[in-house]
Amino acid sequence: MSGQSPPGWYRDPYGTPGLLRYWNGAQWTQASQPTDAWEAPRSPTTPQPWAAPQPRPWSTPQPWQPPPPARQGSNKGLLWGLIGGGALLVVLILVVGIVVGVMEGETSPTSTPTTRSAARSPVTGEINDDQAGLSLVRLGGDWSWEQLGPDAGFRNMYGFTWAELAVVQEKYDGTQSYYANAYTGRLPSSITYNGTQDLASATTTLAKTIEAEPEPRGAYPSHTRHDLESRAHTVGGNSAWYLRFRLDFPQARSRGWNFRSETAVMIVIDRGAGNRPSTVFISVPDSHSNGGDLDLLVNSIKAR
């Protein structure tokens, strides 16, 4: 049929938006497809053949260029924001620390801080315990010393013959004072000892015996114990055993005691066949003004 458009895809003559329908040169067919990105003639009587769009000509890629620098003052807001945020964080940390410190530091008027000081008392001489065959430094300041006689009570039960004492709280329980102390003596006969193989057990047994002595004459009020170190040791070439432990007093705060814990060292020293071992017991509460006295005393022990 002359004057008709050639076969091809044309805009749907029935008016469906976005749809193409196929013209076979004589009539419309059932074949259809979306228009996509091209336009076709609208007239169903004189359709124009569809022409595919031409691709855009290819161009050579341009080399990468860094982004333009920010303006001189563009980061000031961010900088001040960070500074402000950091300052706020510091303030919050300080406030929390102060609150926690106040909560943890609530004590009765008679209480004092419990942080152990590393300071040491002055050394004024040496204590020589001839019965124990030992010597150690004699401390000044708050310390006093004495040779224990037959009336030394429960201290004689443990075989102690010399003592150094420093009061940390007068009449802490209403009647008795509480002390830092250092004792020397001989292992009591009530504790089994048949040679160096018994050093560890003898040391542990003596420490627990002292610790468990009941009130009112006992060495300690109610407490919990934490062993810190237990090891072989030597004193002047003599085999020994070293035991270090800490006692905590959970009722101390409510009772107005100025100490919360106490660190103790027990040392038992072998003195050869036929001789009872020598003993040293040193115990220093955390409120003692010179917390370094514990190690000062331990390190000064000599066998005579």
Protein backbone atom coordinates (compact mmCIF):
# COMPACT_ATOMS: atom_id res chain seq x y z
CA MET A 1 0.00 0.00 0.00
CA SER A 2 1.59 3.20 -1.26
CA GLY A 3 1.82 6.19 1.05
CA GLN A 4 2.00 3.96 4.24
CA SER A 5 4.86 4.12 6.72
CA PRO A 6 7.36 1.27 6.63
CA PRO A 7 7.20 -1.44 9.33
CA GLY A 8 8.57 -0.44 12.71
CA TRP A 9 7.91 0.54 16.34
CA TYR A 10 5.63 3.53 16.88
CA ARG A 11 3.87 5.21 19.81
CA ASP A 12 0.77 3.23 20.69
CA PRO A 13 -2.09 4.58 18.55
CA TYR A 14 -4.58 3.62 21.24
CA GLY A 15 -3.17 6.20 23.64
CA THR A 16 -1.40 4.00 26.22
CA PRO A 17 1.27 6.28 27.82
CA GLY A 18 4.89 5.13 27.57
CA LEU A 19 4.09 2.21 25.22
CA LEU A 20 5.28 1.38 21.69
CA ARG A 21 3.38 -0.87 19.34
CA TYR A 22 4.68 -2.58 16.15
CA TRP A 23 3.38 -1.47 12.70
CA ASN A 24 3.87 -4.25 10.10
CA GLY A 25 3.46 -1.89 7.18
CA ALA A 26 -0.23 -2.66 6.76
CA GLN A 27 -1.75 -2.76 10.25
CA TRP A 28 -1.02 -2.56 13.97
CA THR A 29 0.05 -5.79 15.66
CA GLN A 30 -0.25 -7.12 19.23
CA ALA A 31 3.48 -6.63 19.84
CA SER A 32 4.33 -3.77 22.20
CA GLN A 33 7.20 -2.55 24.39
CA PRO A 34 8.04 0.41 26.66
CA THR A 35 9.17 3.65 25.06
CA ASP A 36 12.31 3.94 27.28
CA ALA A 37 14.25 7.08 26.35
CA TRP A 38 13.11 7.80 22.78
CA GLU A 39 10.07 9.42 21.23
CA ALA A 40 7.95 8.00 18.36
CA PRO A 41 5.26 9.56 16.13
CA ARG A 42 1.81 9.72 17.68
CA SER A 43 -0.31 9.38 14.52
CA PRO A 44 -1.65 5.84 13.96
CA THR A 45 -2.34 6.69 10.35
CA THR A 46 1.06 8.02 9.35
CA PRO A 47 3.46 6.51 11.85
CA GLN A 48 7.10 7.45 11.58
CA PRO A 49 9.69 4.73 12.02
CA TRP A 50 11.60 4.72 15.30
CA ALA A 51 15.21 5.78 15.21
CA ALA A 52 17.52 4.68 18.00
CA PRO A 53 19.13 7.56 19.88
CA GLN A 54 22.77 8.17 19.05
CA PRO A 55 25.25 7.65 21.82
CA ARG A 56 27.14 10.67 23.15
CA PRO A 57 30.62 10.95 21.70
CA TRP A 58 33.37 9.55 23.96
CA SER A 59 35.71 12.09 25.52
CA THR A 60 39.09 11.63 27.13
CA PRO A 61 38.86 11.46 30.98
CA GLN A 62 40.23 14.51 32.75
CA PRO A 63 43.04 14.03 35.29
CA TRP A 64 41.97 13.96 38.96
CA GLN A 65 42.01 17.31 40.70
CA PRO A 66 42.10 17.60 44.51
CA PRO A 67 39.08 19.30 46.06
CA PRO A 68 39.52 23.00 46.74
CA PRO A 69 40.88 23.74 50.22
CA ALA A 70 38.40 24.75 52.89
CA ARG A 71 38.17 28.34 53.80
CA GLN A 72 40.56 29.57 56.48
CA GLY A 73 37.97 29.72 59.20
CA SER A 74 35.77 26.78 58.14
CA ASN A 75 37.08 24.35 60.82
CA LYS A 76 36.83 26.73 63.72
CA GLY A 77 33.34 25.60 64.60
CA LEU A 78 34.42 21.97 64.64
CA LEU A 79 37.56 22.80 66.62
CA TRP A 80 35.66 24.73 69.24
CA GLY A 81 33.07 21.98 69.35
CA LEU A 82 35.74 19.39 70.07
CA ILE A 83 37.35 21.60 72.70
CA GLY A 84 34.01 22.28 74.29
CA GLY A 85 33.09 18.59 74.24
CA GLY A 86 36.44 17.63 75.76
CA ALA A 87 36.06 20.24 78.48
CA LEU A 88 32.58 18.95 79.25
CA LEU A 89 33.93 15.38 79.46
CA VAL A 90 36.69 16.48 81.85
CA VAL A 91 34.16 18.30 84.03
CA LEU A 92 31.92 15.21 84.11
CA ILE A 93 34.87 12.98 85.07
CA LEU A 94 35.88 15.37 87.85
CA VAL A 95 32.33 15.57 89.18
CA VAL A 96 31.95 11.78 89.18
CA GLY A 97 35.35 11.38 90.85
CA ILE A 98 34.45 13.88 93.55
CA VAL A 99 31.09 12.22 94.21
CA VAL A 100 32.65 8.76 94.38
CA GLY A 101 35.44 10.05 96.60
CA VAL A 102 32.96 11.63 98.97
CA MET A 103 30.86 8.47 99.06
CA GLU A 104 33.88 6.27 99.68
CA GLY A 105 35.36 8.67 102.20
CA GLU A 106 32.33 8.93 104.45
CA THR A 107 33.61 8.03 107.88
CA SER A 108 33.02 9.03 111.44
CA PRO A 109 34.82 12.12 112.76
CA THR A 110 37.49 9.89 114.34
CA SER A 111 38.44 8.22 111.06
CA THR A 112 41.48 9.06 108.98
CA PRO A 113 42.44 8.22 105.37
CA THR A 114 43.52 4.62 104.85
CA THR A 115 46.03 5.08 102.02
CA ARG A 116 49.30 3.39 103.01
CA SER A 117 52.23 5.79 103.17
CA ALA A 118 55.66 4.74 101.90
CA ALA A 119 57.37 6.95 104.49
CA ARG A 120 59.64 5.33 107.08
CA SER A 121 60.28 6.06 110.74
CA PRO A 122 63.81 7.06 111.79
CA VAL A 123 66.17 4.26 112.79
CA THR A 124 67.57 4.92 116.26
CA GLY A 125 69.51 1.73 116.91
CA GLU A 126 69.24 -2.05 116.90
CA ILE A 127 67.32 -4.58 118.98
CA ASN A 128 69.28 -7.73 119.81
CA ASP A 129 67.16 -10.69 120.86
CA ASP A 130 69.72 -13.11 122.31
CA GLN A 131 67.12 -15.76 123.04
CA ALA A 132 65.92 -15.79 119.43
CA GLY A 133 69.41 -15.26 118.02
CA LEU A 134 68.12 -12.36 115.89
CA SER A 135 68.49 -8.61 115.54
CA LEU A 136 66.50 -5.94 113.70
CA VAL A 137 66.38 -2.15 113.58
CA ARG A 138 65.00 -0.16 116.49
CA LEU A 139 62.66 2.54 115.22
CA GLY A 140 62.01 5.97 116.68
CA GLY A 141 59.09 8.34 116.23
CA ASP A 142 55.88 6.64 117.39
CA TRP A 143 57.65 3.37 118.19
CA SER A 144 58.61 1.97 121.59
CA TRP A 145 60.20 -1.39 122.44
CA GLU A 146 60.38 -3.81 125.32
CA GLN A 147 61.74 -7.18 126.35
CA LEU A 148 58.83 -9.44 127.18
CA GLY A 149 58.79 -10.99 130.64
CA PRO A 150 56.77 -13.85 132.09
CA ASP A 151 53.75 -11.56 132.48
CA ALA A 152 53.49 -10.87 128.74
CA GLY A 153 50.35 -13.00 128.61
CA PHE A 154 49.29 -14.47 125.31
CA ARG A 155 52.46 -13.13 123.61
CA ASN A 156 54.48 -15.63 125.64
CA MET A 157 52.26 -18.38 124.22
CA TYR A 158 53.73 -17.63 120.80
CA GLY A 159 57.32 -17.70 122.05
CA PHE A 160 57.98 -13.97 121.59
CA THR A 161 60.71 -12.39 123.70
CA TRP A 162 61.08 -8.86 122.24
CA ALA A 163 58.51 -6.39 120.90
CA GLU A 164 58.40 -3.04 119.07
CA LEU A 165 55.06 -1.22 119.21
CA ALA A 166 53.51 1.93 117.71
CA VAL A 167 49.97 3.05 118.61
CA VAL A 168 47.74 3.82 115.59
CA GLN A 169 44.49 4.42 117.53
CA GLU A 170 43.97 4.89 121.25
CA LYS A 171 41.14 2.81 122.72
CA TYR A 172 39.80 1.89 119.31
CA ASP A 173 37.20 -0.42 120.95
CA GLY A 174 36.67 1.73 124.05
CA THR A 175 39.28 -0.02 126.18
CA GLN A 176 42.27 -1.25 124.14
CA SER A 177 44.62 0.62 121.83
CA TYR A 178 45.50 -0.68 118.37
CA TYR A 179 49.14 -1.09 117.34
CA ALA A 180 51.63 -1.61 114.60
CA ASN A 181 54.00 -4.21 115.99
CA ALA A 182 57.11 -6.32 115.46
CA TYR A 183 57.94 -9.40 117.54
CA THR A 184 60.92 -11.75 117.67
CA GLY A 185 61.21 -15.05 119.49
CA ARG A 186 61.41 -18.84 119.18
CA LEU A 187 58.87 -21.20 117.61
CA PRO A 188 56.66 -22.45 120.48
CA SER A 189 56.87 -26.15 121.35
CA SER A 190 53.16 -26.55 120.56
CA ILE A 191 53.98 -26.35 116.81
CA THR A 192 55.55 -29.39 115.18
CA TYR A 193 59.03 -28.89 113.74
CA ASN A 194 61.39 -31.70 112.69
CA GLY A 195 63.63 -29.90 110.20
CA THR A 196 63.58 -27.58 107.21
CA GLN A 197 60.89 -29.66 105.51
CA ASP A 198 58.51 -28.27 108.16
CA LEU A 199 59.35 -24.59 107.62
CA ALA A 200 56.33 -23.80 105.44
CA SER A 201 53.81 -25.62 107.63
CA ALA A 202 55.27 -24.20 110.86
CA THR A 203 55.11 -20.65 109.48
CA THR A 204 51.52 -21.03 108.30
CA THR A 205 50.42 -22.68 111.56
CA LEU A 206 51.95 -19.99 113.78
CA ALA A 207 50.43 -17.17 111.69
CA LYS A 208 46.97 -18.74 111.78
CA THR A 209 47.24 -19.40 115.52
CA ILE A 210 47.94 -15.72 116.20
CA GLU A 211 45.27 -14.59 113.75
CA ALA A 212 42.60 -16.85 115.30
CA GLU A 213 43.26 -15.93 118.95
CA PRO A 214 39.78 -14.94 120.21
CA GLU A 215 38.88 -11.57 121.72
CA PRO A 216 39.23 -9.88 124.12
CA ARG A 217 42.87 -10.88 124.45
CA GLY A 218 43.17 -11.88 120.81
CA ALA A 219 45.45 -10.16 118.36
CA TYR A 220 42.69 -9.15 115.93
CA PRO A 221 39.00 -8.24 115.80
CA SER A 222 36.73 -10.02 113.31
CA HIS A 223 38.29 -9.95 109.82
CA THR A 224 38.84 -11.62 106.45
CA ARG A 225 42.27 -12.84 105.36
CA HIS A 226 44.02 -12.66 101.97
CA ASP A 227 47.34 -14.46 101.49
CA LEU A 228 49.70 -12.34 99.38
CA GLU A 229 52.98 -14.31 99.25
CA SER A 230 54.36 -17.58 100.59
CA ARG A 231 57.87 -18.66 99.61
CA ALA A 232 61.23 -20.05 100.67
CA HIS A 233 63.51 -17.43 102.20
CA THR A 234 66.94 -17.08 103.79
CA VAL A 235 68.20 -15.00 106.74
CA GLY A 236 71.96 -14.80 107.18
CA GLY A 237 72.46 -18.02 105.23
CA ASN A 238 69.82 -19.88 107.28
CA SER A 239 66.87 -21.50 105.53
CA ALA A 240 63.58 -19.79 106.33
CA TRP A 241 59.99 -19.40 105.15
CA TYR A 242 58.32 -16.07 104.34
CA LEU A 243 54.54 -15.58 104.56
CA ARG A 244 52.83 -12.26 103.79
CA PHE A 245 49.08 -11.72 104.14
CA ARG A 246 46.50 -8.98 104.56
CA LEU A 247 43.61 -8.76 107.01
CA ASP A 248 40.54 -6.65 106.15
CA PHE A 249 38.13 -5.33 108.78
CA PRO A 250 34.71 -4.75 107.16
CA GLN A 251 33.20 -3.32 110.36
CA ALA A 252 35.94 -0.68 110.79
CA ARG A 253 34.06 2.14 109.04
CA SER A 254 30.85 1.72 110.99
CA ARG A 255 32.76 1.51 114.28
CA GLY A 256 34.87 4.59 113.64
CA TRP A 257 38.24 2.83 113.46
CA ASN A 258 40.93 4.71 111.59
CA PHE A 259 42.28 1.52 109.98
CA ARG A 260 40.56 -0.65 107.36
CA SER A 261 43.19 -3.34 106.82
CA GLU A 262 46.54 -4.59 108.07
CA THR A 263 49.48 -6.23 106.30
CA ALA A 264 51.48 -8.83 108.20
CA VAL A 265 54.66 -10.85 107.61
CA MET A 266 55.56 -14.06 109.44
CA ILE A 267 59.07 -15.52 109.05
CA VAL A 268 60.31 -18.77 110.61
CA ILE A 269 64.09 -19.35 110.46
CA ASP A 270 65.82 -22.73 110.86
CA ARG A 271 68.65 -22.69 113.45
CA GLY A 272 70.14 -26.12 112.86
CA ALA A 273 69.61 -29.56 114.41
CA GLY A 274 68.57 -29.55 118.05
CA ASN A 275 67.50 -25.88 118.06
CA ARG A 276 64.01 -24.44 117.84
CA PRO A 277 63.59 -22.10 114.85
CA SER A 278 63.61 -18.33 115.34
CA THR A 279 60.47 -16.36 114.50
CA VAL A 280 59.66 -12.81 113.41
CA PHE A 281 56.13 -11.43 113.20
CA ILE A 282 55.55 -7.89 111.89
CA SER A 283 52.09 -6.37 111.42
CA VAL A 284 51.33 -2.80 110.26
CA PRO A 285 47.79 -1.31 109.86
CA ASP A 286 47.08 0.82 106.80
CA SER A 287 46.55 3.92 108.97
CA HIS A 288 50.07 3.79 110.43
CA SER A 289 51.74 7.08 109.55
CA ASN A 290 54.84 5.39 108.10
CA GLY A 291 53.70 2.46 105.98
CA GLY A 292 57.25 1.82 104.78
CA ASP A 293 58.16 0.57 108.26
CA LEU A 294 56.93 -2.93 107.39
CA ASP A 295 59.54 -3.56 104.70
CA LEU A 296 62.15 -1.58 106.65
CA LEU A 297 61.83 -3.99 109.57
CA VAL A 298 61.68 -7.11 107.36
CA ASN A 299 64.79 -6.17 105.42
CA SER A 300 66.78 -5.42 108.61
CA ILE A 301 66.45 -8.92 110.13
CA LYS A 302 69.79 -10.59 110.84
CA ALA A 303 70.72 -13.92 112.34
CA ARG A 304 73.15 -13.65 115.27
